[in-house]
Amino acid sequence: MRNLIFDIDGTLLDSVDLHADAWAEAFRHFGIDVAPEAVRSQIGKGGDQLMPVFVPKDRLEREGEDIETFRSDLFKETYLPRVRPFPGVRALFERLKAEGHVLALASSGKASEVERYQEIAGIRDLIDVATNSDEAERSKPHPDIFEAALARLGHPPKGQAIVIGDSPYDAEAAVKAGLPVIGVLCGGFPEAGLSEAGCTAIYRDPQDLLDGYASSPLRRGVP
């Protein structure tokens, strides 16, 4: 399994709660009362898929862009400095590079955010390909971002690429793109939900995936 496509938020970085808090605060600023817990269940989607869950259609058409801009600025100024990598991220990526894997990031974030995420995770020098929202018309659970990653990887043959993500939306998008997917629990989504969405294997976090690498689908392939 040569080509590995990683989600970032909730998979490599402990940021899901922070994103949920930022969205809830942004919604409150525009007079929309939504609990962070409700928003959390939608994290993993991009703003284009998340906002319609909470914002009436007429308001979304009028104010959607303003809400998204406010949330983005708020997250960068208030919440981004608190984002930290999960245990084992750098060590996992070093092992994967040593084993000959090609490493890609597939995020619905803006290009500048994806750059900053690589710095926070300490893996910028290990990444071969990184996609961002500019390369996908629709965010997860649509497959666009993973299809963009596959294009950047040169459209590897079937069985030569796999997704690693933390949310059912990652799994749904991967399956639609024709990719197997490994789930991690560190993003806070239930194991049952990841399995139902299509994950072929599930690990606690990047450190657990590193510890179990020799017997994982990354090393042995998908049956």
C-alpha atoms as a PDB file:
ATOM      1  CA  MET A   1       0.000   0.000   0.000  1.00  0.00           C
ATOM      2  CA  ARG A   2       2.355   2.651  -1.287  1.00  0.00           C
ATOM      3  CA  ASN A   3       0.252   5.844  -1.277  1.00  0.00           C
ATOM      4  CA  LEU A   4      -1.173   6.962   2.070  1.00  0.00           C
ATOM      5  CA  ILE A   5      -3.703   9.809   2.140  1.00  0.00           C
ATOM      6  CA  PHE A   6      -4.221  11.352   5.580  1.00  0.00           C
ATOM      7  CA  ASP A   7      -6.986  13.574   6.846  1.00  0.00           C
ATOM      8  CA  ILE A   8      -5.625  16.213   9.255  1.00  0.00           C
ATOM      9  CA  ASP A   9      -8.167  17.533  11.780  1.00  0.00           C
ATOM     10  CA  GLY A  10      -8.979  14.863  14.360  1.00  0.00           C
ATOM     11  CA  THR A  11      -6.583  12.430  12.699  1.00  0.00           C
ATOM     12  CA  LEU A  12      -3.197  14.087  13.145  1.00  0.00           C
ATOM     13  CA  LEU A  13      -4.184  17.172  15.155  1.00  0.00           C
ATOM     14  CA  ASP A  14      -6.302  17.471  18.303  1.00  0.00           C
ATOM     15  CA  SER A  15      -8.521  20.180  16.829  1.00  0.00           C
ATOM     16  CA  VAL A  16     -12.078  18.848  16.547  1.00  0.00           C
ATOM     17  CA  ASP A  17     -13.374  20.459  19.752  1.00  0.00           C
ATOM     18  CA  LEU A  18     -11.682  23.736  18.825  1.00  0.00           C
ATOM     19  CA  HIS A  19     -13.321  23.767  15.404  1.00  0.00           C
ATOM     20  CA  ALA A  20     -16.693  23.024  16.988  1.00  0.00           C
ATOM     21  CA  ASP A  21     -16.262  25.880  19.475  1.00  0.00           C
ATOM     22  CA  ALA A  22     -15.246  28.277  16.696  1.00  0.00           C
ATOM     23  CA  TRP A  23     -18.285  27.390  14.580  1.00  0.00           C
ATOM     24  CA  ALA A  24     -20.635  27.734  17.563  1.00  0.00           C
ATOM     25  CA  GLU A  25     -19.151  31.121  18.440  1.00  0.00           C
ATOM     26  CA  ALA A  26     -19.445  32.277  14.820  1.00  0.00           C
ATOM     27  CA  PHE A  27     -23.074  31.158  14.639  1.00  0.00           C
ATOM     28  CA  ARG A  28     -23.837  33.034  17.883  1.00  0.00           C
ATOM     29  CA  HIS A  29     -22.265  36.173  16.416  1.00  0.00           C
ATOM     30  CA  PHE A  30     -24.866  35.975  13.649  1.00  0.00           C
ATOM     31  CA  GLY A  31     -27.720  35.257  16.066  1.00  0.00           C
ATOM     32  CA  ILE A  32     -27.882  31.489  15.471  1.00  0.00           C
ATOM     33  CA  ASP A  33     -27.865  29.558  18.744  1.00  0.00           C
ATOM     34  CA  VAL A  34     -26.158  26.186  18.261  1.00  0.00           C
ATOM     35  CA  ALA A  35     -24.457  24.153  20.988  1.00  0.00           C
ATOM     36  CA  PRO A  36     -20.827  23.182  20.342  1.00  0.00           C
ATOM     37  CA  GLU A  37     -21.811  19.544  20.946  1.00  0.00           C
ATOM     38  CA  ALA A  38     -24.233  19.691  18.028  1.00  0.00           C
ATOM     39  CA  VAL A  39     -21.599  21.227  15.762  1.00  0.00           C
ATOM     40  CA  ARG A  40     -19.019  18.655  16.838  1.00  0.00           C
ATOM     41  CA  SER A  41     -20.973  15.828  15.240  1.00  0.00           C
ATOM     42  CA  GLN A  42     -20.583  17.624  11.889  1.00  0.00           C
ATOM     43  CA  ILE A  43     -16.851  18.375  12.097  1.00  0.00           C
ATOM     44  CA  GLY A  44     -15.088  16.596   9.288  1.00  0.00           C
ATOM     45  CA  LYS A  45     -17.318  18.218   6.722  1.00  0.00           C
ATOM     46  CA  GLY A  46     -16.259  21.453   5.066  1.00  0.00           C
ATOM     47  CA  GLY A  47     -18.194  24.646   5.638  1.00  0.00           C
ATOM     48  CA  ASP A  48     -20.214  24.137   2.460  1.00  0.00           C
ATOM     49  CA  GLN A  49     -21.669  20.930   3.919  1.00  0.00           C
ATOM     50  CA  LEU A  50     -21.747  21.922   7.595  1.00  0.00           C
ATOM     51  CA  MET A  51     -23.502  25.284   7.443  1.00  0.00           C
ATOM     52  CA  PRO A  52     -26.715  24.045   5.771  1.00  0.00           C
ATOM     53  CA  VAL A  53     -27.291  21.791   8.809  1.00  0.00           C
ATOM     54  CA  PHE A  54     -27.693  24.838  11.048  1.00  0.00           C
ATOM     55  CA  VAL A  55     -28.404  27.870   8.843  1.00  0.00           C
ATOM     56  CA  PRO A  56     -31.766  28.306   7.074  1.00  0.00           C
ATOM     57  CA  LYS A  57     -31.449  28.277   3.302  1.00  0.00           C
ATOM     58  CA  ASP A  58     -32.474  31.904   2.792  1.00  0.00           C
ATOM     59  CA  ARG A  59     -29.951  33.134   5.368  1.00  0.00           C
ATOM     60  CA  LEU A  60     -27.280  30.854   3.964  1.00  0.00           C
ATOM     61  CA  GLU A  61     -27.684  32.432   0.543  1.00  0.00           C
ATOM     62  CA  ARG A  62     -27.438  35.944   2.017  1.00  0.00           C
ATOM     63  CA  GLU A  63     -24.874  35.465   4.781  1.00  0.00           C
ATOM     64  CA  GLY A  64     -23.118  32.154   4.256  1.00  0.00           C
ATOM     65  CA  GLU A  65     -19.932  33.699   2.926  1.00  0.00           C
ATOM     66  CA  ASP A  66     -19.814  36.233   5.778  1.00  0.00           C
ATOM     67  CA  ILE A  67     -20.328  33.505   8.382  1.00  0.00           C
ATOM     68  CA  GLU A  68     -17.556  31.383   6.892  1.00  0.00           C
ATOM     69  CA  THR A  69     -15.151  34.334   6.708  1.00  0.00           C
ATOM     70  CA  PHE A  70     -15.898  35.307  10.319  1.00  0.00           C
ATOM     71  CA  ARG A  71     -15.390  31.710  11.484  1.00  0.00           C
ATOM     72  CA  SER A  72     -12.136  31.332   9.573  1.00  0.00           C
ATOM     73  CA  ASP A  73     -10.668  34.534  10.997  1.00  0.00           C
ATOM     74  CA  LEU A  74     -11.886  33.652  14.496  1.00  0.00           C
ATOM     75  CA  PHE A  75     -10.338  30.190  14.345  1.00  0.00           C
ATOM     76  CA  LYS A  76      -6.961  31.489  13.161  1.00  0.00           C
ATOM     77  CA  GLU A  77      -6.815  34.247  15.789  1.00  0.00           C
ATOM     78  CA  THR A  78      -8.317  32.502  18.838  1.00  0.00           C
ATOM     79  CA  TYR A  79      -8.274  28.742  18.424  1.00  0.00           C
ATOM     80  CA  LEU A  80      -5.410  27.789  16.101  1.00  0.00           C
ATOM     81  CA  PRO A  81      -2.687  28.634  18.677  1.00  0.00           C
ATOM     82  CA  ARG A  82      -4.196  25.924  20.922  1.00  0.00           C
ATOM     83  CA  VAL A  83      -4.025  23.122  18.330  1.00  0.00           C
ATOM     84  CA  ARG A  84      -1.570  20.327  19.152  1.00  0.00           C
ATOM     85  CA  PRO A  85      -0.601  17.091  17.363  1.00  0.00           C
ATOM     86  CA  PHE A  86      -1.682  13.737  18.721  1.00  0.00           C
ATOM     87  CA  PRO A  87       1.043  11.512  20.187  1.00  0.00           C
ATOM     88  CA  GLY A  88       3.244   9.721  17.694  1.00  0.00           C
ATOM     89  CA  VAL A  89       2.513  11.784  14.560  1.00  0.00           C
ATOM     90  CA  ARG A  90       6.109  12.707  13.700  1.00  0.00           C
ATOM     91  CA  ALA A  91       7.401   9.225  14.589  1.00  0.00           C
ATOM     92  CA  LEU A  92       4.681   7.561  12.499  1.00  0.00           C
ATOM     93  CA  PHE A  93       5.479   9.667   9.432  1.00  0.00           C
ATOM     94  CA  GLU A  94       9.216   9.047   9.817  1.00  0.00           C
ATOM     95  CA  ARG A  95       8.559   5.293   9.920  1.00  0.00           C
ATOM     96  CA  LEU A  96       6.268   5.462   6.902  1.00  0.00           C
ATOM     97  CA  LYS A  97       8.835   7.378   4.856  1.00  0.00           C
ATOM     98  CA  ALA A  98      11.526   4.899   5.851  1.00  0.00           C
ATOM     99  CA  GLU A  99       9.267   2.079   4.650  1.00  0.00           C
ATOM    100  CA  GLY A 100       8.942   3.730   1.230  1.00  0.00           C
ATOM    101  CA  HIS A 101       5.409   5.125   1.448  1.00  0.00           C
ATOM    102  CA  VAL A 102       4.306   8.264  -0.406  1.00  0.00           C
ATOM    103  CA  LEU A 103       2.544  10.569   2.053  1.00  0.00           C
ATOM    104  CA  ALA A 104      -0.354  12.850   1.126  1.00  0.00           C
ATOM    105  CA  LEU A 105      -2.608  15.165   3.114  1.00  0.00           C
ATOM    106  CA  ALA A 106      -6.223  15.702   2.048  1.00  0.00           C
ATOM    107  CA  SER A 107      -7.872  18.567   3.879  1.00  0.00           C
ATOM    108  CA  SER A 108     -10.905  20.774   3.271  1.00  0.00           C
ATOM    109  CA  GLY A 109      -8.970  23.654   4.843  1.00  0.00           C
ATOM    110  CA  LYS A 110      -7.597  26.626   2.978  1.00  0.00           C
ATOM    111  CA  ALA A 111      -4.070  26.392   1.561  1.00  0.00           C
ATOM    112  CA  SER A 112      -2.611  28.628   4.279  1.00  0.00           C
ATOM    113  CA  GLU A 113      -4.281  26.522   6.978  1.00  0.00           C
ATOM    114  CA  VAL A 114      -2.909  23.283   5.538  1.00  0.00           C
ATOM    115  CA  GLU A 115       0.584  24.790   5.527  1.00  0.00           C
ATOM    116  CA  ARG A 116       0.232  25.811   9.166  1.00  0.00           C
ATOM    117  CA  TYR A 117      -1.135  22.393  10.118  1.00  0.00           C
ATOM    118  CA  GLN A 118       1.958  20.714   8.688  1.00  0.00           C
ATOM    119  CA  GLU A 119       4.128  22.968  10.838  1.00  0.00           C
ATOM    120  CA  ILE A 120       2.103  22.250  13.990  1.00  0.00           C
ATOM    121  CA  ALA A 121       2.263  18.507  13.344  1.00  0.00           C
ATOM    122  CA  GLY A 122       6.011  18.730  12.676  1.00  0.00           C
ATOM    123  CA  ILE A 123       5.765  16.820   9.395  1.00  0.00           C
ATOM    124  CA  ARG A 124       6.196  19.435   6.690  1.00  0.00           C
ATOM    125  CA  ASP A 125       9.499  17.935   5.517  1.00  0.00           C
ATOM    126  CA  LEU A 126       7.920  14.475   5.210  1.00  0.00           C
ATOM    127  CA  ILE A 127       4.888  15.315   3.052  1.00  0.00           C
ATOM    128  CA  ASP A 128       4.916  14.560  -0.666  1.00  0.00           C
ATOM    129  CA  VAL A 129       1.473  15.933  -1.617  1.00  0.00           C
ATOM    130  CA  ALA A 130      -1.005  18.226   0.152  1.00  0.00           C
ATOM    131  CA  THR A 131      -4.428  19.233  -1.148  1.00  0.00           C
ATOM    132  CA  ASN A 132      -6.719  22.002   0.072  1.00  0.00           C
ATOM    133  CA  SER A 133     -10.195  23.420  -0.456  1.00  0.00           C
ATOM    134  CA  ASP A 134      -9.175  25.152  -3.701  1.00  0.00           C
ATOM    135  CA  GLU A 135      -8.882  21.727  -5.332  1.00  0.00           C
ATOM    136  CA  ALA A 136     -12.328  20.434  -4.376  1.00  0.00           C
ATOM    137  CA  GLU A 137     -15.663  21.803  -5.527  1.00  0.00           C
ATOM    138  CA  ARG A 138     -17.443  20.004  -2.675  1.00  0.00           C
ATOM    139  CA  SER A 139     -16.089  18.967   0.718  1.00  0.00           C
ATOM    140  CA  LYS A 140     -16.454  15.647   2.522  1.00  0.00           C
ATOM    141  CA  PRO A 141     -18.508  13.459   2.575  1.00  0.00           C
ATOM    142  CA  HIS A 142     -18.210  14.075  -1.184  1.00  0.00           C
ATOM    143  CA  PRO A 143     -15.110  12.412  -2.667  1.00  0.00           C
ATOM    144  CA  ASP A 144     -13.676  15.492  -4.391  1.00  0.00           C
ATOM    145  CA  ILE A 145     -10.712  16.084  -2.037  1.00  0.00           C
ATOM    146  CA  PHE A 146      -9.570  12.458  -2.206  1.00  0.00           C
ATOM    147  CA  GLU A 147      -9.950  12.451  -5.982  1.00  0.00           C
ATOM    148  CA  ALA A 148      -7.750  15.564  -6.054  1.00  0.00           C
ATOM    149  CA  ALA A 149      -5.167  13.763  -3.920  1.00  0.00           C
ATOM    150  CA  LEU A 150      -5.244  10.756  -6.258  1.00  0.00           C
ATOM    151  CA  ALA A 151      -4.665  13.081  -9.208  1.00  0.00           C
ATOM    152  CA  ARG A 152      -1.693  14.660  -7.446  1.00  0.00           C
ATOM    153  CA  LEU A 153      -0.347  11.152  -6.774  1.00  0.00           C
ATOM    154  CA  GLY A 154      -0.562  10.278 -10.464  1.00  0.00           C
ATOM    155  CA  HIS A 155      -3.694   8.113 -10.253  1.00  0.00           C
ATOM    156  CA  PRO A 156      -2.099   5.054  -8.629  1.00  0.00           C
ATOM    157  CA  PRO A 157      -3.526   1.614  -9.522  1.00  0.00           C
ATOM    158  CA  LYS A 158      -6.342   0.169  -7.432  1.00  0.00           C
ATOM    159  CA  GLY A 159      -4.932  -1.335  -4.244  1.00  0.00           C
ATOM    160  CA  GLN A 160      -2.029   1.110  -4.097  1.00  0.00           C
ATOM    161  CA  ALA A 161      -3.675   3.916  -2.091  1.00  0.00           C
ATOM    162  CA  ILE A 162      -5.542   4.109   1.206  1.00  0.00           C
ATOM    163  CA  VAL A 163      -7.119   6.861   3.339  1.00  0.00           C
ATOM    164  CA  ILE A 164      -6.570   7.373   7.071  1.00  0.00           C
ATOM    165  CA  GLY A 165      -9.219   9.508   8.791  1.00  0.00           C
ATOM    166  CA  ASP A 166     -11.151  10.026  11.996  1.00  0.00           C
ATOM    167  CA  SER A 167     -14.721  10.727  10.901  1.00  0.00           C
ATOM    168  CA  PRO A 168     -17.508   8.872   9.117  1.00  0.00           C
ATOM    169  CA  TYR A 169     -17.346  11.672   6.539  1.00  0.00           C
ATOM    170  CA  ASP A 170     -13.756  10.708   5.719  1.00  0.00           C
ATOM    171  CA  ALA A 171     -14.817   7.086   5.312  1.00  0.00           C
ATOM    172  CA  GLU A 172     -17.844   7.929   3.161  1.00  0.00           C
ATOM    173  CA  ALA A 173     -15.768  10.166   0.903  1.00  0.00           C
ATOM    174  CA  ALA A 174     -13.017   7.556   0.585  1.00  0.00           C
ATOM    175  CA  VAL A 175     -15.468   4.805  -0.347  1.00  0.00           C
ATOM    176  CA  LYS A 176     -17.051   7.066  -2.987  1.00  0.00           C
ATOM    177  CA  ALA A 177     -13.554   7.659  -4.391  1.00  0.00           C
ATOM    178  CA  GLY A 178     -12.985   3.906  -4.561  1.00  0.00           C
ATOM    179  CA  LEU A 179     -10.449   3.894  -1.726  1.00  0.00           C
ATOM    180  CA  PRO A 180     -10.154   1.676   1.358  1.00  0.00           C
ATOM    181  CA  VAL A 181      -9.988   3.574   4.627  1.00  0.00           C
ATOM    182  CA  ILE A 182      -8.490   3.128   8.088  1.00  0.00           C
ATOM    183  CA  GLY A 183     -10.203   4.882  10.992  1.00  0.00           C
ATOM    184  CA  VAL A 184      -8.699   6.438  14.115  1.00  0.00           C
ATOM    185  CA  LEU A 185     -10.686   7.114  17.273  1.00  0.00           C
ATOM    186  CA  CYS A 186      -8.767  10.184  18.459  1.00  0.00           C
ATOM    187  CA  GLY A 187     -11.205  12.516  16.684  1.00  0.00           C
ATOM    188  CA  GLY A 188     -13.951  11.385  19.048  1.00  0.00           C
ATOM    189  CA  PHE A 189     -16.294   9.588  16.654  1.00  0.00           C
ATOM    190  CA  PRO A 190     -17.679   6.218  17.797  1.00  0.00           C
ATOM    191  CA  GLU A 191     -15.999   3.058  16.540  1.00  0.00           C
ATOM    192  CA  ALA A 192     -19.338   1.666  15.353  1.00  0.00           C
ATOM    193  CA  GLY A 193     -19.952   4.736  13.204  1.00  0.00           C
ATOM    194  CA  LEU A 194     -16.543   4.427  11.565  1.00  0.00           C
ATOM    195  CA  SER A 195     -17.100   0.754  10.829  1.00  0.00           C
ATOM    196  CA  GLU A 196     -20.546   1.388   9.375  1.00  0.00           C
ATOM    197  CA  ALA A 197     -19.135   4.126   7.136  1.00  0.00           C
ATOM    198  CA  GLY A 198     -16.600   1.717   5.639  1.00  0.00           C
ATOM    199  CA  CYS A 199     -13.413   1.590   7.731  1.00  0.00           C
ATOM    200  CA  THR A 200     -11.560  -1.694   7.202  1.00  0.00           C
ATOM    201  CA  ALA A 201      -9.448  -1.288  10.357  1.00  0.00           C
ATOM    202  CA  ILE A 202      -9.574   1.053  13.338  1.00  0.00           C
ATOM    203  CA  TYR A 203      -6.799   2.296  15.642  1.00  0.00           C
ATOM    204  CA  ARG A 204      -6.842   4.527  18.720  1.00  0.00           C
ATOM    205  CA  ASP A 205      -4.532   7.236  17.363  1.00  0.00           C
ATOM    206  CA  PRO A 206      -1.341   7.749  15.298  1.00  0.00           C
ATOM    207  CA  GLN A 207       0.794   6.186  18.038  1.00  0.00           C
ATOM    208  CA  ASP A 208      -1.366   3.050  18.024  1.00  0.00           C
ATOM    209  CA  LEU A 209      -1.079   2.869  14.229  1.00  0.00           C
ATOM    210  CA  LEU A 210       2.706   3.177  14.530  1.00  0.00           C
ATOM    211  CA  ASP A 211       2.846   0.467  17.187  1.00  0.00           C
ATOM    212  CA  GLY A 212       0.732  -1.847  15.029  1.00  0.00           C
ATOM    213  CA  TYR A 213       2.312  -0.939  11.694  1.00  0.00           C
ATOM    214  CA  ALA A 214       3.793  -4.380  10.914  1.00  0.00           C
ATOM    215  CA  SER A 215       0.386  -6.060  10.951  1.00  0.00           C
ATOM    216  CA  SER A 216      -1.609  -3.103   9.604  1.00  0.00           C
ATOM    217  CA  PRO A 217      -3.162  -2.688   6.142  1.00  0.00           C
ATOM    218  CA  LEU A 218      -0.467  -0.076   5.494  1.00  0.00           C
ATOM    219  CA  ARG A 219       2.162  -2.829   5.558  1.00  0.00           C
ATOM    220  CA  ARG A 220       0.181  -5.902   4.562  1.00  0.00           C
ATOM    221  CA  GLY A 221      -2.402  -4.414   2.219  1.00  0.00           C
ATOM    222  CA  VAL A 222      -6.177  -4.775   2.293  1.00  0.00           C
ATOM    223  CA  PRO A 223      -7.586  -8.322   1.903  1.00  0.00           C
END
